[in-house]
Protein backbone atom coordinates (compact mmCIF):
# COMPACT_ATOMS: atom_id res chain seq x y z
CA MET A 1 -1.13 -6.98 20.02
CA ARG A 2 -3.34 -3.93 19.54
CA LEU A 3 -1.70 -1.04 17.72
CA ASN A 4 -4.58 1.43 18.17
CA ILE A 5 -4.64 2.32 14.48
CA GLU A 6 -8.13 3.08 13.21
CA VAL A 7 -8.98 1.70 9.78
CA THR A 8 -12.04 1.00 7.68
CA GLY A 9 -12.34 -2.38 6.08
CA PRO A 10 -11.00 -4.68 4.88
CA HIS A 11 -13.12 -4.30 1.76
CA LEU A 12 -13.07 -6.96 -0.95
CA THR A 13 -12.27 -5.41 -4.33
CA VAL A 14 -11.51 -8.40 -6.57
CA LYS A 15 -12.33 -12.06 -5.96
CA LYS A 16 -9.87 -14.86 -6.60
CA GLY A 17 -10.43 -16.59 -9.90
CA THR A 18 -11.22 -13.30 -11.64
CA PRO A 19 -9.54 -13.15 -15.06
CA PHE A 20 -7.31 -10.27 -16.12
CA TYR A 21 -5.60 -9.71 -19.43
CA ASP A 22 -1.90 -8.87 -19.78
CA ARG A 23 -1.64 -6.70 -22.91
CA LYS A 24 2.13 -7.06 -23.21
CA LYS A 25 2.09 -10.85 -23.15
CA ARG A 26 -1.35 -11.07 -24.77
CA LYS A 27 -2.37 -13.65 -22.22
CA THR A 28 -5.22 -14.06 -19.74
CA TYR A 29 -4.34 -14.82 -16.13
CA TYR A 30 -6.54 -15.65 -13.16
CA ARG A 31 -6.08 -14.12 -9.74
CA ARG A 32 -4.95 -16.61 -7.11
CA LYS A 33 -6.03 -14.59 -4.09
CA ASN A 34 -8.78 -12.19 -3.12
CA GLU A 35 -7.74 -8.52 -3.23
CA TYR A 36 -8.69 -6.26 -0.32
CA TYR A 37 -8.15 -2.63 0.58
CA LEU A 38 -8.49 -0.64 3.75
CA TYR A 39 -8.24 3.01 4.63
CA VAL A 40 -6.18 4.29 7.53
CA ARG A 41 -8.14 7.06 9.18
CA ALA A 42 -6.56 10.52 9.14
CA SER A 43 -6.28 10.52 12.94
CA SER A 44 -4.14 7.34 12.78
CA ARG A 45 -1.86 8.12 9.84
CA ARG A 46 1.09 9.30 11.89
CA ARG A 47 0.88 6.26 14.17
CA PHE A 48 0.66 3.99 11.13
CA ALA A 49 3.77 5.64 9.65
CA GLU A 50 5.71 5.23 12.90
CA LEU A 51 4.71 1.64 13.70
CA ILE A 52 4.13 0.03 10.31
CA GLY A 53 5.05 2.23 7.36
CA PHE A 54 5.80 1.06 3.83
CA THR A 55 8.80 -0.28 1.92
CA ILE A 56 7.61 0.78 -1.54
CA LYS A 57 8.97 4.24 -2.40
CA ARG A 58 5.81 5.61 -4.07
CA LYS A 59 3.73 4.57 -1.04
CA ILE A 60 6.19 6.17 1.37
CA GLU A 61 6.01 9.39 -0.64
CA ARG A 62 2.21 9.42 -0.60
CA LEU A 63 2.12 8.75 3.14
CA MET A 64 4.60 11.56 3.78
CA LYS A 65 2.53 13.87 1.59
CA ALA A 66 -0.60 12.94 3.55
CA LEU A 67 1.27 13.82 6.75
CA ASN A 68 2.59 17.06 5.20
CA LEU A 69 6.17 15.86 5.67
CA THR A 70 9.14 15.71 3.33
CA PRO A 71 10.13 12.13 2.52
CA PHE A 72 13.14 11.14 4.58
CA PHE A 73 15.12 10.20 1.49
CA SER A 74 16.17 12.58 -1.23
CA HIS A 75 19.02 10.52 -2.64
CA LYS A 76 19.57 6.88 -3.55
CA THR A 77 18.43 4.63 -0.71
CA HIS A 78 18.21 0.96 0.05
CA LEU A 79 14.68 1.05 -1.41
CA GLU A 80 16.04 1.78 -4.87
CA ASP A 81 18.48 -1.14 -4.72
CA LYS A 82 15.66 -3.69 -4.93
C-alpha cells in the first residue's frame, strides 16, 4: 500500500555489534540491530501526521511544532499512563 509520503533514506547511522557504554551500570553493551533514520519531507509532514503519527509524547510535540499546531493534549492522556 502506497501512502504517498516522501522521505529520504533510510540512512544507516549505527551498525549492529557496535559497543556502547552505560555509565549508570558501568557496563558495555553491544547493539543487536542496525539503527536507521529517515527524514519526512516538509511537503509530507501533515500526511505523515494524519496517517502514521507517533505514540511517544515528545515526538508528537515536535511533529505538531513542525506543523505549527498545538499538540492535541494539554492534560494527562493515555500516553502518560505507559
